[in-house]
Amino acid sequence: MKIGNRLPALRLIRTANCAVAGATSLAGSWASGASLRQDKPWLLALSAMLIAAFGNAYNDICDLPADRVNRPDRVLVRGEIDMTLALRIAGWCLALGLMLAAYAFVDALILAVTVATILFLYDRNLKFQPLVGNVAVAGICASTVAFGAMAGGNWNRQVLVLMVCAFALTLVRELFKDIQDVVGDRAMGARTFPILYGEKRSAQVALVPLAFTVYFVLYRIFSSRPDWTGAYVAGIILTCGLVWTAVRSLSTRGPAQWGNRSREVKIWIVLGVVWVLLWRIRF
């Protein structure tokens, strides 16, 4: 790969999203009782990052017609990387991700192959089906927690909370992104929920997993003794942020504003991971 192509390659795989995948896997490892001084949590996290990189790169390859409308800044649309190089990057990321998973655990390899298969099917067909593609991506994000939890093997309440919050908030974000991308998706012949049922109803459907997450966080907070440090404070901030996004979504209009809502949810996903991990820290 030429030096000049490296930065576009990092943009192709969306390194920020890959970092979130790796951090979520590490969170699953730590929540399950694994020590981050061991090598297995880091191997699993790096594997999760590489598989996410494959999914992101292959998504851009399949979505090129829609991205010409929805994402004109993407590297394939701008011609900064050709299709052959993009396929090579996706292929190498997948191969390395599977190799690292196999080196860590046989079960991790099985889950990694399953996730990669779902990502492939999502990019080829599932994304065009109303809600099916959204649920598939949400399930993949939740499985990243389970992926990391293999390093600890203790499937406790923190692991469960992480998986539920990851699934629910990713489902919200995927719905917001579908609303944002209606114009380009319609040009590709997609049948996403916003295309079939409209922006308003899609926003209302997104309120269901948002409300569930708020309830879940509040239940976790009030079922514990408040000490106003660490997890308790982070949970209050997370709840306020989720309610803020829910209220704002009811008056959101246009791709730019839906992009803002999507970015807000990504922030709440990261904060949710931090919140769960803080339960393991004794102040």
Protein backbone atom coordinates (compact mmCIF):
# COMPACT_ATOMS: atom_id res chain seq x y z
CA MET A 1 0.00 0.00 0.00
CA LYS A 2 1.44 3.41 -0.93
CA ILE A 3 2.15 5.92 1.83
CA GLY A 4 -0.32 8.41 0.40
CA ASN A 5 -3.11 5.89 0.63
CA ARG A 6 -2.80 5.16 4.34
CA LEU A 7 -4.87 8.05 5.64
CA PRO A 8 -7.76 7.36 3.23
CA ALA A 9 -7.53 3.70 4.26
CA LEU A 10 -8.02 4.67 7.91
CA ARG A 11 -11.05 6.71 6.89
CA LEU A 12 -12.38 3.76 4.87
CA ILE A 13 -12.38 1.46 7.90
CA ARG A 14 -13.66 4.30 10.17
CA THR A 15 -11.09 4.04 12.93
CA ALA A 16 -13.29 5.77 15.52
CA ASN A 17 -15.99 3.11 15.12
CA CYS A 18 -13.33 0.39 15.26
CA ALA A 19 -11.97 1.89 18.48
CA VAL A 20 -15.47 1.79 20.01
CA ALA A 21 -15.75 -1.89 19.04
CA GLY A 22 -12.40 -2.65 20.65
CA ALA A 23 -13.28 -0.69 23.79
CA THR A 24 -16.63 -2.50 24.04
CA SER A 25 -14.86 -5.86 23.80
CA LEU A 26 -12.41 -4.80 26.53
CA ALA A 27 -15.35 -3.64 28.62
CA GLY A 28 -16.93 -7.08 28.26
CA SER A 29 -13.66 -8.69 29.34
CA TRP A 30 -13.28 -6.50 32.39
CA ALA A 31 -16.93 -6.75 33.38
CA SER A 32 -16.65 -10.55 33.25
CA GLY A 33 -13.75 -10.51 35.70
CA ALA A 34 -10.77 -10.76 33.34
CA SER A 35 -7.58 -8.87 34.16
CA LEU A 36 -6.48 -6.44 31.49
CA ARG A 37 -2.91 -7.44 32.30
CA GLN A 38 -3.58 -10.70 30.46
CA ASP A 39 -3.17 -10.98 26.69
CA LYS A 40 -6.55 -12.57 25.84
CA PRO A 41 -8.70 -9.44 26.40
CA TRP A 42 -6.41 -7.42 24.14
CA LEU A 43 -6.33 -10.12 21.46
CA LEU A 44 -10.12 -10.22 21.45
CA ALA A 45 -10.35 -6.42 21.36
CA LEU A 46 -7.96 -6.20 18.41
CA SER A 47 -9.91 -8.97 16.66
CA ALA A 48 -13.16 -7.05 17.24
CA MET A 49 -11.57 -3.90 15.79
CA LEU A 50 -10.39 -5.71 12.66
CA ILE A 51 -13.74 -7.39 12.05
CA ALA A 52 -15.45 -4.03 12.52
CA ALA A 53 -12.96 -2.57 10.02
CA PHE A 54 -13.93 -5.29 7.53
CA GLY A 55 -17.61 -4.50 8.04
CA ASN A 56 -17.08 -0.76 7.60
CA ALA A 57 -14.95 -1.13 4.47
CA TYR A 58 -17.26 -3.66 2.85
CA ASN A 59 -20.24 -1.48 3.72
CA ASP A 60 -18.70 1.42 1.80
CA ILE A 61 -18.03 -0.87 -1.15
CA CYS A 62 -21.64 -2.05 -1.29
CA ASP A 63 -23.11 1.39 -0.52
CA LEU A 64 -21.18 3.35 -3.14
CA PRO A 65 -24.28 4.39 -5.17
CA ALA A 66 -26.12 5.59 -2.04
CA ASP A 67 -23.01 7.27 -0.61
CA ARG A 68 -22.75 9.43 -3.72
CA VAL A 69 -25.93 11.06 -2.37
CA ASN A 70 -25.75 10.54 1.39
CA ARG A 71 -21.99 10.59 2.08
CA PRO A 72 -20.15 12.55 -0.63
CA ASP A 73 -17.12 12.83 1.69
CA ARG A 74 -16.47 9.06 1.76
CA VAL A 75 -13.12 8.00 0.27
CA LEU A 76 -14.57 5.73 -2.42
CA VAL A 77 -16.93 8.44 -3.60
CA ARG A 78 -14.06 10.94 -3.78
CA GLY A 79 -11.87 8.43 -5.63
CA GLU A 80 -9.13 8.50 -2.99
CA ILE A 81 -9.09 4.69 -2.96
CA ASP A 82 -10.04 2.43 -5.86
CA MET A 83 -12.40 -0.49 -5.49
CA THR A 84 -9.65 -3.13 -5.77
CA LEU A 85 -7.65 -1.66 -2.92
CA ALA A 86 -10.79 -1.29 -0.80
CA LEU A 87 -11.57 -4.99 -1.30
CA ARG A 88 -8.01 -5.92 -0.33
CA ILE A 89 -8.23 -3.83 2.84
CA ALA A 90 -11.55 -5.43 3.79
CA GLY A 91 -10.20 -8.91 3.08
CA TRP A 92 -7.01 -8.47 5.09
CA CYS A 93 -8.88 -6.99 8.04
CA LEU A 94 -11.26 -9.96 8.06
CA ALA A 95 -8.45 -12.53 7.76
CA LEU A 96 -6.37 -10.98 10.54
CA GLY A 97 -9.42 -10.55 12.77
CA LEU A 98 -10.34 -14.24 12.42
CA MET A 99 -6.74 -15.33 13.02
CA LEU A 100 -6.54 -13.37 16.27
CA ALA A 101 -9.91 -14.75 17.42
CA ALA A 102 -8.72 -18.30 16.69
CA TYR A 103 -5.49 -17.69 18.61
CA ALA A 104 -7.47 -16.51 21.65
CA PHE A 105 -10.29 -19.09 21.85
CA VAL A 106 -11.97 -21.58 19.54
CA ASP A 107 -15.36 -20.26 20.70
CA ALA A 108 -14.21 -16.74 19.83
CA LEU A 109 -13.46 -17.89 16.28
CA ILE A 110 -16.97 -19.35 15.98
CA LEU A 111 -18.53 -16.08 17.15
CA ALA A 112 -16.22 -14.03 14.91
CA VAL A 113 -17.17 -16.08 11.83
CA THR A 114 -20.85 -15.70 12.72
CA VAL A 115 -20.54 -11.94 13.12
CA ALA A 116 -18.56 -11.58 9.88
CA THR A 117 -21.20 -13.62 8.03
CA ILE A 118 -24.00 -11.41 9.36
CA LEU A 119 -22.03 -8.30 8.37
CA PHE A 120 -21.62 -9.70 4.85
CA LEU A 121 -25.32 -10.52 4.59
CA TYR A 122 -26.24 -7.13 6.03
CA ASP A 123 -24.22 -5.27 3.42
CA ARG A 124 -25.54 -7.44 0.60
CA ASN A 125 -29.23 -7.63 1.49
CA LEU A 126 -30.36 -7.27 5.11
CA LYS A 127 -29.92 -3.50 5.24
CA PHE A 128 -32.66 -3.15 2.63
CA GLN A 129 -35.25 -4.87 4.84
CA PRO A 130 -37.26 -2.75 7.30
CA LEU A 131 -35.90 -3.14 10.86
CA VAL A 132 -34.19 -6.46 10.04
CA GLY A 133 -30.90 -4.77 9.18
CA ASN A 134 -31.19 -2.48 12.20
CA VAL A 135 -31.71 -5.42 14.55
CA ALA A 136 -28.81 -7.30 12.92
CA VAL A 137 -26.36 -4.44 13.54
CA ALA A 138 -27.64 -3.99 17.10
CA GLY A 139 -27.15 -7.70 17.73
CA ILE A 140 -23.60 -7.52 16.39
CA CYS A 141 -22.78 -4.66 18.77
CA ALA A 142 -24.23 -6.60 21.71
CA SER A 143 -22.22 -9.67 20.67
CA THR A 144 -19.02 -7.61 20.92
CA VAL A 145 -19.57 -7.52 24.69
CA ALA A 146 -20.02 -11.31 24.72
CA PHE A 147 -16.89 -11.62 22.57
CA GLY A 148 -14.79 -9.84 25.17
CA ALA A 149 -16.51 -11.62 28.07
CA MET A 150 -15.00 -14.90 26.88
CA ALA A 151 -11.73 -13.77 28.45
CA GLY A 152 -13.26 -13.70 31.92
CA GLY A 153 -15.97 -16.32 31.64
CA ASN A 154 -18.08 -14.77 34.41
CA TRP A 155 -21.44 -13.86 32.86
CA ASN A 156 -22.54 -11.51 35.64
CA ARG A 157 -25.04 -8.65 35.80
CA GLN A 158 -22.56 -6.10 34.43
CA VAL A 159 -22.10 -8.15 31.26
CA LEU A 160 -25.85 -8.46 30.82
CA VAL A 161 -26.40 -4.71 31.35
CA LEU A 162 -23.67 -3.91 28.82
CA MET A 163 -25.21 -6.20 26.21
CA VAL A 164 -28.74 -4.87 26.70
CA CYS A 165 -27.65 -1.21 26.56
CA ALA A 166 -25.41 -1.84 23.53
CA PHE A 167 -28.26 -3.53 21.67
CA ALA A 168 -30.92 -0.94 22.51
CA LEU A 169 -28.82 2.17 21.83
CA THR A 170 -27.34 0.76 18.62
CA LEU A 171 -30.88 0.02 17.41
CA VAL A 172 -31.80 3.67 18.08
CA ARG A 173 -28.71 4.92 16.26
CA GLU A 174 -29.35 2.69 13.25
CA LEU A 175 -32.92 3.99 12.96
CA PHE A 176 -31.67 7.59 13.16
CA LYS A 177 -29.08 6.85 10.46
CA ASP A 178 -31.74 5.31 8.22
CA ILE A 179 -33.86 8.46 8.55
CA GLN A 180 -30.79 10.54 7.70
CA ASP A 181 -30.04 8.42 4.59
CA VAL A 182 -33.53 8.17 3.10
CA VAL A 183 -32.70 9.97 -0.17
CA GLY A 184 -29.72 7.81 -1.11
CA ASP A 185 -31.27 4.59 0.17
CA ARG A 186 -34.40 5.20 -1.90
CA ALA A 187 -32.22 5.68 -4.98
CA MET A 188 -30.76 2.18 -4.34
CA GLY A 189 -34.21 0.65 -4.07
CA ALA A 190 -33.90 0.00 -0.34
CA ARG A 191 -36.97 -0.70 1.80
CA THR A 192 -35.85 0.70 5.12
CA PHE A 193 -38.39 1.53 7.80
CA PRO A 194 -38.23 5.33 7.22
CA ILE A 195 -38.76 4.85 3.48
CA LEU A 196 -41.83 2.67 4.04
CA TYR A 197 -43.40 4.44 7.03
CA GLY A 198 -41.94 7.92 7.11
CA GLU A 199 -39.66 10.00 9.29
CA LYS A 200 -42.14 10.71 12.09
CA ARG A 201 -43.17 7.12 12.70
CA SER A 202 -39.56 5.95 12.56
CA ALA A 203 -38.63 8.49 15.24
CA GLN A 204 -41.52 7.23 17.36
CA VAL A 205 -40.35 3.63 17.00
CA ALA A 206 -36.84 4.68 18.08
CA LEU A 207 -38.36 6.03 21.29
CA VAL A 208 -39.20 2.47 22.39
CA PRO A 209 -35.59 1.20 22.82
CA LEU A 210 -34.61 4.66 24.10
CA ALA A 211 -37.28 4.53 26.80
CA PHE A 212 -36.32 0.94 27.64
CA THR A 213 -32.68 1.96 28.09
CA VAL A 214 -33.67 4.85 30.38
CA TYR A 215 -35.77 2.44 32.46
CA PHE A 216 -32.92 -0.09 32.55
CA VAL A 217 -30.38 2.52 33.68
CA LEU A 218 -32.72 3.95 36.33
CA TYR A 219 -33.50 0.47 37.64
CA ARG A 220 -29.77 -0.27 37.95
CA ILE A 221 -29.23 3.03 39.76
CA PHE A 222 -32.08 2.79 42.24
CA SER A 223 -31.47 -0.88 42.98
CA SER A 224 -28.08 0.16 44.38
CA ARG A 225 -27.10 2.33 47.30
CA PRO A 226 -26.40 5.90 46.12
CA ASP A 227 -22.97 7.22 46.99
CA TRP A 228 -22.84 10.10 44.47
CA THR A 229 -19.54 8.94 43.03
CA GLY A 230 -18.48 6.97 40.01
CA ALA A 231 -21.22 4.81 38.54
CA TYR A 232 -24.09 6.57 40.28
CA VAL A 233 -23.19 10.00 38.90
CA ALA A 234 -22.38 8.60 35.45
CA GLY A 235 -25.77 6.87 35.41
CA ILE A 236 -27.58 10.11 36.20
CA ILE A 237 -25.69 11.92 33.42
CA LEU A 238 -26.44 9.07 30.99
CA THR A 239 -30.14 9.17 31.86
CA CYS A 240 -30.32 12.94 31.31
CA GLY A 241 -28.53 12.58 27.97
CA LEU A 242 -30.87 9.85 26.78
CA VAL A 243 -33.94 11.87 27.74
CA TRP A 244 -32.47 14.92 25.99
CA THR A 245 -31.96 12.97 22.75
CA ALA A 246 -35.45 11.43 22.98
CA VAL A 247 -37.09 14.84 23.36
CA ARG A 248 -34.99 16.43 20.62
CA SER A 249 -35.78 13.57 18.21
CA LEU A 250 -39.46 14.54 18.22
CA SER A 251 -38.66 17.90 16.63
CA THR A 252 -35.70 16.82 14.46
CA ARG A 253 -35.98 17.38 10.74
CA GLY A 254 -33.57 16.95 7.84
CA PRO A 255 -30.40 14.85 7.31
CA ALA A 256 -28.08 17.24 9.15
CA GLN A 257 -30.16 17.24 12.33
CA TRP A 258 -30.61 13.47 12.25
CA GLY A 259 -26.84 13.20 11.89
CA ASN A 260 -26.55 15.19 15.12
CA ARG A 261 -28.97 12.82 16.89
CA SER A 262 -26.96 9.84 15.63
CA ARG A 263 -23.71 11.32 16.98
CA GLU A 264 -25.39 11.99 20.33
CA VAL A 265 -26.39 8.34 20.61
CA LYS A 266 -22.80 7.28 19.87
CA ILE A 267 -21.70 9.46 22.80
CA TRP A 268 -24.30 7.81 25.06
CA ILE A 269 -23.09 4.37 23.97
CA VAL A 270 -19.54 5.23 25.04
CA LEU A 271 -20.77 6.78 28.29
CA GLY A 272 -22.90 3.68 28.90
CA VAL A 273 -19.80 1.48 28.63
CA VAL A 274 -17.96 3.73 31.10
CA TRP A 275 -20.97 3.71 33.44
CA VAL A 276 -21.13 -0.08 33.60
CA LEU A 277 -17.39 -0.40 34.15
CA LEU A 278 -17.48 2.08 37.02
CA TRP A 279 -19.52 -0.46 39.02
CA ARG A 280 -16.33 -2.49 39.35
CA ILE A 281 -14.33 0.42 40.73
CA ARG A 282 -14.37 0.94 44.48
CA PHE A 283 -13.96 4.57 45.50
